[in-house]
Amino acid sequence: MRILVCLMLSLFLAAPLAAQEDAVRALAIKAREGDAEAIAALEKAAESGDADAAFYAGDLYLRGRARAPSPERAIDWFKRAAEKGHVAAMHALGVVYERAPAPLRDPVQALEWYRRGAERNFARSQTNLGFFLQQGRAVTADLKAAREWYEKAAAQGEPRAKFLLGMLYLDGLGVERDDAHAVELIKDAAEHGDPDAQYRLAVLTGTGRGVARDEVAAIELARKAALQGQADAQYYLAEAFASGSAGLPKDEREALRWLLRAAEQEHAEAQFALVVVYGEGRGVRRNPTEALNWLQRAAGNGHAQAIDLLAGLRSRPAPAPQ
C-alpha cells in the first residue's frame, strides 16, 4: 500500500513538473525565433532559478540566436543550470570550454564538465570524455578508460561513440584488431548520420576492407558526409572527380568545387592540391597569386611538401632589376 501511495504521489508531482518543462521549452522556441517577449520571459524565469530556462538562455547566447553571440554569457547561464543538476548544461559547459576561442578555451574545465555529465549517464558527455582520455587531452591518455566510456555511450545508441569505438577496433588501439566488429559499429554510426563514420565507411567500402568493395557505394557515402561539411570526404570527392574514378566522369570544375570547400576548412592536402590547380590552370585560369596564397596556408597547416616548397621560394635570390 505504501509503495502504491508513493508511486501515485510521484506521478502527481511529475505531471506539473513535466508541464513546466514543456512551457519553458515552448518559450525557448519562441525566443530562438527572436520573440522579444519570450526572450524577456525566458531570462526572467532563469533569474528566478529555473534550471531549464537558464540552460536555454545559455543556448541563446552560445548560438547567437536572438542575442549577440557571447560565450561568456553562455557560460554564466549554463553554470547556473549545471549547479542545479542540469546534465545537458554540464555537457554544454564542456563544449564551450573545449571549443571557445582563447582566453575562454580551457581543456581542464572541459574535461571536468564532461566527466560530471558522463557520471550522470549523459551519452554525449561520455563520448567526449572518452575522446579526451584517448587523446590524452588535459589528462594522461588511457585507452582502456576511453573504451569503457565509449561502450557506455554506445549502449545508449550514441552514434559518435559507436564510430569512435569502431575506430579503436579498426586500428587495434587498446583492443585486438577486429575489422568485422569495427565495420559493424562504424556502419551503425553512419546510418544514424555521423559524417565521420560515413566518410570512414566510404574509405572501407572503396578499398574492400571488412566489407565488400563497391566504389559506387563509397562515393555515395562520401557525398553524404561531404554535404554535412566533412572535409576529408570533400577531398575524397575532389580526387575522384579529378581522376574520373569510381564511376564518376572526369570533371575538373567539380573537383575544384570540392577542393575549395575542404580547403576553406583548413584541410592541408586540399590546400596543397589548389597550389597545383591554380599554378597549372587545371579547370580554372592560371593564377600564381592564388597558388601562392594556398601554398602559404598549406604550409601553415603543417603540410611537409608545402613547407619545403615555400622555403625554396623564399631562398631564391630576388630578380635583378631590368
C-alpha atoms as a PDB file:
ATOM      1  CA  MET A   1       0.000   0.000   0.000  1.00  0.00           C
ATOM      2  CA  ARG A   2       2.800   2.395   0.923  1.00  0.00           C
ATOM      3  CA  ILE A   3       4.533   1.661  -2.396  1.00  0.00           C
ATOM      4  CA  LEU A   4       1.285   2.420  -4.270  1.00  0.00           C
ATOM      5  CA  VAL A   5       0.848   5.717  -2.391  1.00  0.00           C
ATOM      6  CA  CYS A   6       4.454   6.724  -3.143  1.00  0.00           C
ATOM      7  CA  LEU A   7       4.017   5.849  -6.793  1.00  0.00           C
ATOM      8  CA  MET A   8       0.801   7.870  -7.056  1.00  0.00           C
ATOM      9  CA  LEU A   9       2.480  10.794  -5.278  1.00  0.00           C
ATOM     10  CA  SER A  10       5.448  10.692  -7.675  1.00  0.00           C
ATOM     11  CA  LEU A  11       3.091  10.681 -10.660  1.00  0.00           C
ATOM     12  CA  PHE A  12       1.101  13.550  -9.169  1.00  0.00           C
ATOM     13  CA  LEU A  13       4.280  15.601  -8.704  1.00  0.00           C
ATOM     14  CA  ALA A  14       5.701  14.669 -12.097  1.00  0.00           C
ATOM     15  CA  ALA A  15       2.712  15.995 -14.040  1.00  0.00           C
ATOM     16  CA  PRO A  16       3.113  19.701 -13.118  1.00  0.00           C
ATOM     17  CA  LEU A  17       6.905  19.407 -13.407  1.00  0.00           C
ATOM     18  CA  ALA A  18       6.616  17.979 -16.912  1.00  0.00           C
ATOM     19  CA  ALA A  19       4.119  20.697 -17.842  1.00  0.00           C
ATOM     20  CA  GLN A  20       6.520  23.334 -16.511  1.00  0.00           C
ATOM     21  CA  GLU A  21       9.378  21.893 -18.589  1.00  0.00           C
ATOM     22  CA  ASP A  22       7.169  21.887 -21.692  1.00  0.00           C
ATOM     23  CA  ALA A  23       6.200  25.512 -21.070  1.00  0.00           C
ATOM     24  CA  VAL A  24       9.846  26.559 -20.754  1.00  0.00           C
ATOM     25  CA  ARG A  25      10.731  24.609 -23.911  1.00  0.00           C
ATOM     26  CA  ALA A  26       7.939  26.315 -25.828  1.00  0.00           C
ATOM     27  CA  LEU A  27       9.161  29.671 -24.544  1.00  0.00           C
ATOM     28  CA  ALA A  28      12.694  28.837 -25.686  1.00  0.00           C
ATOM     29  CA  ILE A  29      11.475  28.030 -29.209  1.00  0.00           C
ATOM     30  CA  LYS A  30       9.821  31.440 -29.477  1.00  0.00           C
ATOM     31  CA  ALA A  31      12.908  33.115 -28.021  1.00  0.00           C
ATOM     32  CA  ARG A  32      15.135  31.480 -30.648  1.00  0.00           C
ATOM     33  CA  GLU A  33      12.862  32.962 -33.314  1.00  0.00           C
ATOM     34  CA  GLY A  34      13.505  36.449 -31.929  1.00  0.00           C
ATOM     35  CA  ASP A  35      10.282  36.966 -29.962  1.00  0.00           C
ATOM     36  CA  ALA A  36      11.254  39.797 -27.572  1.00  0.00           C
ATOM     37  CA  GLU A  37       8.581  38.946 -25.007  1.00  0.00           C
ATOM     38  CA  ALA A  38       9.639  35.305 -24.989  1.00  0.00           C
ATOM     39  CA  ILE A  39      13.301  36.265 -24.531  1.00  0.00           C
ATOM     40  CA  ALA A  40      12.440  38.504 -21.591  1.00  0.00           C
ATOM     41  CA  ALA A  41      10.205  35.833 -20.032  1.00  0.00           C
ATOM     42  CA  LEU A  42      12.848  33.145 -20.505  1.00  0.00           C
ATOM     43  CA  GLU A  43      15.558  35.225 -18.852  1.00  0.00           C
ATOM     44  CA  LYS A  44      13.198  36.187 -16.036  1.00  0.00           C
ATOM     45  CA  ALA A  45      12.494  32.506 -15.374  1.00  0.00           C
ATOM     46  CA  ALA A  46      16.214  31.808 -15.487  1.00  0.00           C
ATOM     47  CA  GLU A  47      16.914  34.608 -12.987  1.00  0.00           C
ATOM     48  CA  SER A  48      14.260  33.070 -10.736  1.00  0.00           C
ATOM     49  CA  GLY A  49      16.238  29.841 -10.602  1.00  0.00           C
ATOM     50  CA  ASP A  50      14.599  27.659 -13.268  1.00  0.00           C
ATOM     51  CA  ALA A  51      17.392  25.357 -14.482  1.00  0.00           C
ATOM     52  CA  ASP A  52      15.768  24.613 -17.845  1.00  0.00           C
ATOM     53  CA  ALA A  53      15.293  28.317 -18.520  1.00  0.00           C
ATOM     54  CA  ALA A  54      18.917  29.005 -17.590  1.00  0.00           C
ATOM     55  CA  PHE A  55      20.065  26.278 -19.980  1.00  0.00           C
ATOM     56  CA  TYR A  56      18.020  27.670 -22.860  1.00  0.00           C
ATOM     57  CA  ALA A  57      19.183  31.207 -22.070  1.00  0.00           C
ATOM     58  CA  GLY A  58      22.757  29.975 -22.332  1.00  0.00           C
ATOM     59  CA  ASP A  59      21.941  28.384 -25.667  1.00  0.00           C
ATOM     60  CA  LEU A  60      20.638  31.719 -26.991  1.00  0.00           C
ATOM     61  CA  TYR A  61      23.967  33.374 -26.250  1.00  0.00           C
ATOM     62  CA  LEU A  62      26.084  30.437 -27.375  1.00  0.00           C
ATOM     63  CA  ARG A  63      24.490  30.134 -30.813  1.00  0.00           C
ATOM     64  CA  GLY A  64      23.722  33.812 -31.296  1.00  0.00           C
ATOM     65  CA  ARG A  65      20.004  33.111 -31.544  1.00  0.00           C
ATOM     66  CA  ALA A  66      18.140  36.368 -30.941  1.00  0.00           C
ATOM     67  CA  ARG A  67      21.078  37.589 -28.872  1.00  0.00           C
ATOM     68  CA  ALA A  68      24.571  38.649 -29.903  1.00  0.00           C
ATOM     69  CA  PRO A  69      26.888  35.630 -29.504  1.00  0.00           C
ATOM     70  CA  SER A  70      28.622  35.715 -26.135  1.00  0.00           C
ATOM     71  CA  PRO A  71      30.442  32.634 -24.832  1.00  0.00           C
ATOM     72  CA  GLU A  72      30.906  34.462 -21.520  1.00  0.00           C
ATOM     73  CA  ARG A  73      27.167  34.963 -21.002  1.00  0.00           C
ATOM     74  CA  ALA A  74      26.520  31.406 -22.193  1.00  0.00           C
ATOM     75  CA  ILE A  75      28.941  30.048 -19.596  1.00  0.00           C
ATOM     76  CA  ASP A  76      27.257  32.085 -16.869  1.00  0.00           C
ATOM     77  CA  TRP A  77      23.788  30.719 -17.677  1.00  0.00           C
ATOM     78  CA  PHE A  78      24.997  27.154 -18.211  1.00  0.00           C
ATOM     79  CA  LYS A  79      26.744  27.200 -14.820  1.00  0.00           C
ATOM     80  CA  ARG A  80      23.579  28.341 -13.095  1.00  0.00           C
ATOM     81  CA  ALA A  81      21.716  25.424 -14.667  1.00  0.00           C
ATOM     82  CA  ALA A  82      24.539  22.920 -14.042  1.00  0.00           C
ATOM     83  CA  GLU A  83      24.752  23.847 -10.369  1.00  0.00           C
ATOM     84  CA  LYS A  84      21.117  22.768 -10.084  1.00  0.00           C
ATOM     85  CA  GLY A  85      21.951  19.386 -11.620  1.00  0.00           C
ATOM     86  CA  HIS A  86      21.019  20.133 -15.253  1.00  0.00           C
ATOM     87  CA  VAL A  87      23.049  17.487 -17.107  1.00  0.00           C
ATOM     88  CA  ALA A  88      22.722  18.961 -20.602  1.00  0.00           C
ATOM     89  CA  ALA A  89      24.101  22.234 -19.205  1.00  0.00           C
ATOM     90  CA  MET A  90      27.101  20.344 -17.807  1.00  0.00           C
ATOM     91  CA  HIS A  91      27.760  18.951 -21.264  1.00  0.00           C
ATOM     92  CA  ALA A  92      27.294  22.384 -22.846  1.00  0.00           C
ATOM     93  CA  LEU A  93      29.912  23.819 -20.494  1.00  0.00           C
ATOM     94  CA  GLY A  94      32.316  21.116 -21.622  1.00  0.00           C
ATOM     95  CA  VAL A  95      31.678  22.040 -25.254  1.00  0.00           C
ATOM     96  CA  VAL A  96      32.188  25.776 -24.652  1.00  0.00           C
ATOM     97  CA  TYR A  97      35.407  25.286 -22.690  1.00  0.00           C
ATOM     98  CA  GLU A  98      36.692  22.863 -25.327  1.00  0.00           C
ATOM     99  CA  ARG A  99      35.915  24.947 -28.408  1.00  0.00           C
ATOM    100  CA  ALA A 100      35.693  28.599 -27.392  1.00  0.00           C
ATOM    101  CA  PRO A 101      38.457  30.909 -28.630  1.00  0.00           C
ATOM    102  CA  ALA A 102      41.207  31.962 -26.249  1.00  0.00           C
ATOM    103  CA  PRO A 103      41.235  33.047 -23.492  1.00  0.00           C
ATOM    104  CA  LEU A 104      37.996  31.203 -22.654  1.00  0.00           C
ATOM    105  CA  ARG A 105      39.207  27.875 -24.017  1.00  0.00           C
ATOM    106  CA  ASP A 106      40.146  25.647 -21.099  1.00  0.00           C
ATOM    107  CA  PRO A 107      40.650  21.883 -21.719  1.00  0.00           C
ATOM    108  CA  VAL A 108      40.903  21.179 -17.983  1.00  0.00           C
ATOM    109  CA  GLN A 109      37.481  22.730 -17.336  1.00  0.00           C
ATOM    110  CA  ALA A 110      36.088  20.971 -20.414  1.00  0.00           C
ATOM    111  CA  LEU A 111      37.314  17.633 -19.095  1.00  0.00           C
ATOM    112  CA  GLU A 112      35.793  18.309 -15.669  1.00  0.00           C
ATOM    113  CA  TRP A 113      32.358  19.169 -17.032  1.00  0.00           C
ATOM    114  CA  TYR A 114      32.357  16.247 -19.442  1.00  0.00           C
ATOM    115  CA  ARG A 115      33.212  13.991 -16.520  1.00  0.00           C
ATOM    116  CA  ARG A 116      30.330  15.369 -14.469  1.00  0.00           C
ATOM    117  CA  GLY A 117      27.903  14.767 -17.327  1.00  0.00           C
ATOM    118  CA  ALA A 118      29.340  11.324 -18.021  1.00  0.00           C
ATOM    119  CA  GLU A 119      28.972  10.256 -14.406  1.00  0.00           C
ATOM    120  CA  ARG A 120      25.292  11.165 -14.677  1.00  0.00           C
ATOM    121  CA  ASN A 121      24.986   8.875 -17.721  1.00  0.00           C
ATOM    122  CA  PHE A 122      24.775  11.616 -20.372  1.00  0.00           C
ATOM    123  CA  ALA A 123      25.860   9.780 -23.530  1.00  0.00           C
ATOM    124  CA  ARG A 124      27.409  12.711 -25.375  1.00  0.00           C
ATOM    125  CA  SER A 125      29.489  13.627 -22.318  1.00  0.00           C
ATOM    126  CA  GLN A 126      30.608  10.005 -22.022  1.00  0.00           C
ATOM    127  CA  THR A 127      31.673  10.097 -25.661  1.00  0.00           C
ATOM    128  CA  ASN A 128      33.605  13.350 -25.348  1.00  0.00           C
ATOM    129  CA  LEU A 129      35.210  12.261 -22.093  1.00  0.00           C
ATOM    130  CA  GLY A 130      36.310   9.056 -23.803  1.00  0.00           C
ATOM    131  CA  PHE A 131      37.872  11.079 -26.631  1.00  0.00           C
ATOM    132  CA  PHE A 132      39.783  13.269 -24.151  1.00  0.00           C
ATOM    133  CA  LEU A 133      41.084  10.119 -22.474  1.00  0.00           C
ATOM    134  CA  GLN A 134      42.012   8.536 -25.801  1.00  0.00           C
ATOM    135  CA  GLN A 135      43.870  11.642 -26.973  1.00  0.00           C
ATOM    136  CA  GLY A 136      45.438  12.443 -23.609  1.00  0.00           C
ATOM    137  CA  ARG A 137      43.932  15.931 -23.596  1.00  0.00           C
ATOM    138  CA  ALA A 138      44.236  17.598 -20.182  1.00  0.00           C
ATOM    139  CA  VAL A 139      44.708  14.118 -18.730  1.00  0.00           C
ATOM    140  CA  THR A 140      47.017  11.122 -19.020  1.00  0.00           C
ATOM    141  CA  ALA A 141      45.977   9.021 -22.015  1.00  0.00           C
ATOM    142  CA  ASP A 142      44.046   5.928 -21.003  1.00  0.00           C
ATOM    143  CA  LEU A 143      42.710   3.769 -23.848  1.00  0.00           C
ATOM    144  CA  LYS A 144      41.019   1.299 -21.517  1.00  0.00           C
ATOM    145  CA  ALA A 145      39.028   4.025 -19.765  1.00  0.00           C
ATOM    146  CA  ALA A 146      38.240   5.662 -23.123  1.00  0.00           C
ATOM    147  CA  ARG A 147      36.866   2.394 -24.475  1.00  0.00           C
ATOM    148  CA  GLU A 148      34.721   1.873 -21.378  1.00  0.00           C
ATOM    149  CA  TRP A 149      33.140   5.316 -21.730  1.00  0.00           C
ATOM    150  CA  TYR A 150      32.543   4.730 -25.448  1.00  0.00           C
ATOM    151  CA  GLU A 151      30.869   1.428 -24.631  1.00  0.00           C
ATOM    152  CA  LYS A 152      28.562   3.082 -22.095  1.00  0.00           C
ATOM    153  CA  ALA A 153      27.539   5.751 -24.588  1.00  0.00           C
ATOM    154  CA  ALA A 154      27.214   3.256 -27.454  1.00  0.00           C
ATOM    155  CA  ALA A 155      24.902   1.132 -25.299  1.00  0.00           C
ATOM    156  CA  GLN A 156      22.601   4.178 -25.233  1.00  0.00           C
ATOM    157  CA  GLY A 157      22.709   4.368 -29.027  1.00  0.00           C
ATOM    158  CA  GLU A 158      25.070   7.353 -29.325  1.00  0.00           C
ATOM    159  CA  PRO A 159      26.341   7.304 -32.961  1.00  0.00           C
ATOM    160  CA  ARG A 160      29.555   9.219 -32.262  1.00  0.00           C
ATOM    161  CA  ALA A 161      30.533   6.747 -29.555  1.00  0.00           C
ATOM    162  CA  LYS A 162      29.911   3.821 -31.902  1.00  0.00           C
ATOM    163  CA  PHE A 163      32.130   5.428 -34.534  1.00  0.00           C
ATOM    164  CA  LEU A 164      34.983   6.090 -32.105  1.00  0.00           C
ATOM    165  CA  LEU A 165      34.676   2.614 -30.604  1.00  0.00           C
ATOM    166  CA  GLY A 166      34.686   1.176 -34.120  1.00  0.00           C
ATOM    167  CA  MET A 167      37.887   3.071 -34.883  1.00  0.00           C
ATOM    168  CA  LEU A 168      39.570   1.515 -31.843  1.00  0.00           C
ATOM    169  CA  TYR A 169      38.793  -1.936 -33.220  1.00  0.00           C
ATOM    170  CA  LEU A 170      39.757  -0.910 -36.753  1.00  0.00           C
ATOM    171  CA  ASP A 171      43.186   0.332 -35.652  1.00  0.00           C
ATOM    172  CA  GLY A 172      43.700  -2.169 -32.823  1.00  0.00           C
ATOM    173  CA  LEU A 173      44.077   0.572 -30.210  1.00  0.00           C
ATOM    174  CA  GLY A 174      43.837  -0.913 -26.727  1.00  0.00           C
ATOM    175  CA  VAL A 175      41.916  -3.868 -28.166  1.00  0.00           C
ATOM    176  CA  GLU A 176      42.593  -6.716 -30.550  1.00  0.00           C
ATOM    177  CA  ARG A 177      42.049  -5.542 -34.123  1.00  0.00           C
ATOM    178  CA  ASP A 178      38.677  -6.722 -35.423  1.00  0.00           C
ATOM    179  CA  ASP A 179      37.656  -5.383 -38.839  1.00  0.00           C
ATOM    180  CA  ALA A 180      34.254  -7.076 -38.838  1.00  0.00           C
ATOM    181  CA  HIS A 181      33.239  -5.607 -35.477  1.00  0.00           C
ATOM    182  CA  ALA A 182      34.711  -2.248 -36.457  1.00  0.00           C
ATOM    183  CA  VAL A 183      32.677  -2.119 -39.659  1.00  0.00           C
ATOM    184  CA  GLU A 184      29.520  -3.107 -37.777  1.00  0.00           C
ATOM    185  CA  LEU A 185      29.950  -0.206 -35.354  1.00  0.00           C
ATOM    186  CA  ILE A 186      31.008   2.333 -37.980  1.00  0.00           C
ATOM    187  CA  LYS A 187      28.163   1.327 -40.293  1.00  0.00           C
ATOM    188  CA  ASP A 188      25.644   1.754 -37.488  1.00  0.00           C
ATOM    189  CA  ALA A 189      27.006   5.238 -36.758  1.00  0.00           C
ATOM    190  CA  ALA A 190      26.973   6.123 -40.474  1.00  0.00           C
ATOM    191  CA  GLU A 191      23.350   5.038 -40.830  1.00  0.00           C
ATOM    192  CA  HIS A 192      22.491   7.388 -37.970  1.00  0.00           C
ATOM    193  CA  GLY A 193      24.078  10.327 -39.754  1.00  0.00           C
ATOM    194  CA  ASP A 194      27.546  10.675 -38.222  1.00  0.00           C
ATOM    195  CA  PRO A 195      29.598  12.315 -41.033  1.00  0.00           C
ATOM    196  CA  ASP A 196      32.964  10.985 -39.849  1.00  0.00           C
ATOM    197  CA  ALA A 197      31.520   7.474 -39.799  1.00  0.00           C
ATOM    198  CA  GLN A 198      30.086   7.974 -43.282  1.00  0.00           C
ATOM    199  CA  TYR A 199      33.483   9.063 -44.585  1.00  0.00           C
ATOM    200  CA  ARG A 200      35.338   6.194 -42.895  1.00  0.00           C
ATOM    201  CA  LEU A 201      32.795   3.690 -44.218  1.00  0.00           C
ATOM    202  CA  ALA A 202      33.289   5.194 -47.682  1.00  0.00           C
ATOM    203  CA  VAL A 203      37.028   4.534 -47.436  1.00  0.00           C
ATOM    204  CA  LEU A 204      36.477   0.983 -46.200  1.00  0.00           C
ATOM    205  CA  THR A 205      33.892   0.309 -48.907  1.00  0.00           C
ATOM    206  CA  GLY A 206      36.111   1.792 -51.592  1.00  0.00           C
ATOM    207  CA  THR A 207      39.039  -0.436 -50.597  1.00  0.00           C
ATOM    208  CA  GLY A 208      37.053  -3.506 -49.587  1.00  0.00           C
ATOM    209  CA  ARG A 209      38.385  -3.652 -46.049  1.00  0.00           C
ATOM    210  CA  GLY A 210      35.998  -5.517 -43.775  1.00  0.00           C
ATOM    211  CA  VAL A 211      33.187  -5.099 -46.296  1.00  0.00           C
ATOM    212  CA  ALA A 212      32.525  -5.944 -49.951  1.00  0.00           C
ATOM    213  CA  ARG A 213      34.302  -3.493 -52.245  1.00  0.00           C
ATOM    214  CA  ASP A 214      31.905  -1.133 -54.011  1.00  0.00           C
ATOM    215  CA  GLU A 215      33.335   2.103 -55.373  1.00  0.00           C
ATOM    216  CA  VAL A 216      29.943   3.495 -56.385  1.00  0.00           C
ATOM    217  CA  ALA A 217      28.549   2.967 -52.876  1.00  0.00           C
ATOM    218  CA  ALA A 218      31.731   4.507 -51.477  1.00  0.00           C
ATOM    219  CA  ILE A 219      31.164   7.684 -53.488  1.00  0.00           C
ATOM    220  CA  GLU A 220      27.574   7.959 -52.255  1.00  0.00           C
ATOM    221  CA  LEU A 221      28.721   7.602 -48.654  1.00  0.00           C
ATOM    222  CA  ALA A 222      31.434  10.199 -49.194  1.00  0.00           C
ATOM    223  CA  ARG A 223      28.891  12.563 -50.755  1.00  0.00           C
ATOM    224  CA  LYS A 224      26.605  12.261 -47.707  1.00  0.00           C
ATOM    225  CA  ALA A 225      29.496  13.123 -45.408  1.00  0.00           C
ATOM    226  CA  ALA A 226      30.744  15.907 -47.673  1.00  0.00           C
ATOM    227  CA  LEU A 227      27.331  17.565 -47.756  1.00  0.00           C
ATOM    228  CA  GLN A 228      27.482  17.671 -43.948  1.00  0.00           C
ATOM    229  CA  GLY A 229      30.807  19.519 -44.180  1.00  0.00           C
ATOM    230  CA  GLN A 230      33.193  16.616 -43.557  1.00  0.00           C
ATOM    231  CA  ALA A 231      36.443  17.933 -45.054  1.00  0.00           C
ATOM    232  CA  ASP A 232      38.105  14.555 -45.687  1.00  0.00           C
ATOM    233  CA  ALA A 233      35.029  13.437 -47.618  1.00  0.00           C
ATOM    234  CA  GLN A 234      35.078  16.641 -49.646  1.00  0.00           C
ATOM    235  CA  TYR A 235      38.705  15.980 -50.572  1.00  0.00           C
ATOM    236  CA  TYR A 236      37.823  12.348 -51.375  1.00  0.00           C
ATOM    237  CA  LEU A 237      35.188  13.534 -53.861  1.00  0.00           C
ATOM    238  CA  ALA A 238      37.570  16.091 -55.343  1.00  0.00           C
ATOM    239  CA  GLU A 239      40.148  13.388 -56.041  1.00  0.00           C
ATOM    240  CA  ALA A 240      37.507  11.135 -57.599  1.00  0.00           C
ATOM    241  CA  PHE A 241      36.267  13.890 -59.942  1.00  0.00           C
ATOM    242  CA  ALA A 242      39.817  14.971 -60.791  1.00  0.00           C
ATOM    243  CA  SER A 243      40.775  11.458 -61.893  1.00  0.00           C
ATOM    244  CA  GLY A 244      37.374  10.300 -63.152  1.00  0.00           C
ATOM    245  CA  SER A 245      37.394   7.244 -60.915  1.00  0.00           C
ATOM    246  CA  ALA A 246      34.717   5.211 -59.116  1.00  0.00           C
ATOM    247  CA  GLY A 247      32.296   5.601 -61.993  1.00  0.00           C
ATOM    248  CA  LEU A 248      32.428   9.407 -61.933  1.00  0.00           C
ATOM    249  CA  PRO A 249      33.152  11.412 -65.079  1.00  0.00           C
ATOM    250  CA  LYS A 250      36.380  13.377 -65.036  1.00  0.00           C
ATOM    251  CA  ASP A 251      35.309  16.886 -64.104  1.00  0.00           C
ATOM    252  CA  GLU A 252      37.973  19.405 -63.096  1.00  0.00           C
ATOM    253  CA  ARG A 253      35.447  22.100 -62.244  1.00  0.00           C
ATOM    254  CA  GLU A 254      33.554  19.793 -59.890  1.00  0.00           C
ATOM    255  CA  ALA A 255      36.865  18.687 -58.395  1.00  0.00           C
ATOM    256  CA  LEU A 256      37.765  22.339 -57.810  1.00  0.00           C
ATOM    257  CA  ARG A 257      34.421  22.986 -56.114  1.00  0.00           C
ATOM    258  CA  TRP A 258      35.001  20.234 -53.555  1.00  0.00           C
ATOM    259  CA  LEU A 259      38.665  21.150 -53.113  1.00  0.00           C
ATOM    260  CA  LEU A 260      37.718  24.701 -52.219  1.00  0.00           C
ATOM    261  CA  ARG A 261      35.139  23.531 -49.680  1.00  0.00           C
ATOM    262  CA  ALA A 262      37.700  21.286 -47.979  1.00  0.00           C
ATOM    263  CA  ALA A 263      40.498  23.854 -48.183  1.00  0.00           C
ATOM    264  CA  GLU A 264      38.393  26.550 -46.525  1.00  0.00           C
ATOM    265  CA  GLN A 265      38.174  24.192 -43.551  1.00  0.00           C
ATOM    266  CA  GLU A 266      41.991  24.181 -43.400  1.00  0.00           C
ATOM    267  CA  HIS A 267      42.360  20.739 -44.967  1.00  0.00           C
ATOM    268  CA  ALA A 268      46.079  20.850 -45.768  1.00  0.00           C
ATOM    269  CA  GLU A 269      46.019  18.269 -48.581  1.00  0.00           C
ATOM    270  CA  ALA A 270      43.208  20.132 -50.332  1.00  0.00           C
ATOM    271  CA  GLN A 271      45.073  23.402 -49.912  1.00  0.00           C
ATOM    272  CA  PHE A 272      48.213  21.936 -51.462  1.00  0.00           C
ATOM    273  CA  ALA A 273      46.158  20.479 -54.316  1.00  0.00           C
ATOM    274  CA  LEU A 274      44.912  24.004 -55.026  1.00  0.00           C
ATOM    275  CA  VAL A 275      48.519  25.128 -55.405  1.00  0.00           C
ATOM    276  CA  VAL A 276      48.751  22.776 -58.382  1.00  0.00           C
ATOM    277  CA  VAL A 277      45.282  23.693 -59.690  1.00  0.00           C
ATOM    278  CA  TYR A 278      45.982  27.421 -59.741  1.00  0.00           C
ATOM    279  CA  GLY A 279      49.653  27.058 -60.595  1.00  0.00           C
ATOM    280  CA  GLU A 280      48.946  24.946 -63.676  1.00  0.00           C
ATOM    281  CA  GLY A 281      45.462  26.226 -64.527  1.00  0.00           C
ATOM    282  CA  ARG A 282      43.563  22.946 -64.130  1.00  0.00           C
ATOM    283  CA  GLY A 283      39.887  23.660 -64.699  1.00  0.00           C
ATOM    284  CA  VAL A 284      40.477  27.317 -63.914  1.00  0.00           C
ATOM    285  CA  ARG A 285      42.527  30.198 -65.251  1.00  0.00           C
ATOM    286  CA  ARG A 286      46.162  30.045 -64.128  1.00  0.00           C
ATOM    287  CA  ASN A 287      46.662  32.312 -61.106  1.00  0.00           C
ATOM    288  CA  PRO A 288      50.146  32.369 -59.477  1.00  0.00           C
ATOM    289  CA  THR A 289      48.965  34.744 -56.736  1.00  0.00           C
ATOM    290  CA  GLU A 290      46.189  32.377 -55.688  1.00  0.00           C
ATOM    291  CA  ALA A 291      48.585  29.441 -55.896  1.00  0.00           C
ATOM    292  CA  LEU A 292      50.981  31.218 -53.516  1.00  0.00           C
ATOM    293  CA  ASN A 293      48.129  32.012 -51.127  1.00  0.00           C
ATOM    294  CA  TRP A 294      47.154  28.336 -50.864  1.00  0.00           C
ATOM    295  CA  LEU A 295      50.801  27.311 -50.580  1.00  0.00           C
ATOM    296  CA  GLN A 296      51.217  29.563 -47.557  1.00  0.00           C
ATOM    297  CA  ARG A 297      48.033  28.256 -45.962  1.00  0.00           C
ATOM    298  CA  ALA A 298      49.016  24.630 -46.547  1.00  0.00           C
ATOM    299  CA  ALA A 299      52.453  25.278 -45.056  1.00  0.00           C
ATOM    300  CA  GLY A 300      50.823  26.984 -42.078  1.00  0.00           C
ATOM    301  CA  ASN A 301      48.819  23.801 -41.531  1.00  0.00           C
ATOM    302  CA  GLY A 302      51.952  21.669 -41.458  1.00  0.00           C
ATOM    303  CA  HIS A 303      51.931  20.210 -44.992  1.00  0.00           C
ATOM    304  CA  ALA A 304      55.520  18.977 -45.439  1.00  0.00           C
ATOM    305  CA  GLN A 305      55.743  19.486 -49.213  1.00  0.00           C
ATOM    306  CA  ALA A 306      54.244  22.932 -48.927  1.00  0.00           C
ATOM    307  CA  ILE A 307      56.731  23.891 -46.224  1.00  0.00           C
ATOM    308  CA  ASP A 308      59.676  22.709 -48.333  1.00  0.00           C
ATOM    309  CA  LEU A 309      58.393  24.408 -51.488  1.00  0.00           C
ATOM    310  CA  LEU A 310      57.728  27.671 -49.681  1.00  0.00           C
ATOM    311  CA  ALA A 311      61.186  27.599 -48.091  1.00  0.00           C
ATOM    312  CA  GLY A 312      62.714  27.054 -51.530  1.00  0.00           C
ATOM    313  CA  LEU A 313      60.827  30.016 -52.967  1.00  0.00           C
ATOM    314  CA  ARG A 314      61.947  32.268 -50.134  1.00  0.00           C
ATOM    315  CA  SER A 315      65.585  31.252 -50.513  1.00  0.00           C
ATOM    316  CA  ARG A 316      65.713  32.256 -54.169  1.00  0.00           C
ATOM    317  CA  PRO A 317      67.563  35.482 -54.858  1.00  0.00           C
ATOM    318  CA  ALA A 318      65.400  38.418 -55.892  1.00  0.00           C
ATOM    319  CA  PRO A 319      65.411  39.021 -59.655  1.00  0.00           C
ATOM    320  CA  ALA A 320      67.834  41.683 -60.835  1.00  0.00           C
ATOM    321  CA  PRO A 321      66.221  44.986 -61.830  1.00  0.00           C
ATOM    322  CA  GLN A 322      65.815  45.448 -65.566  1.00  0.00           C
END
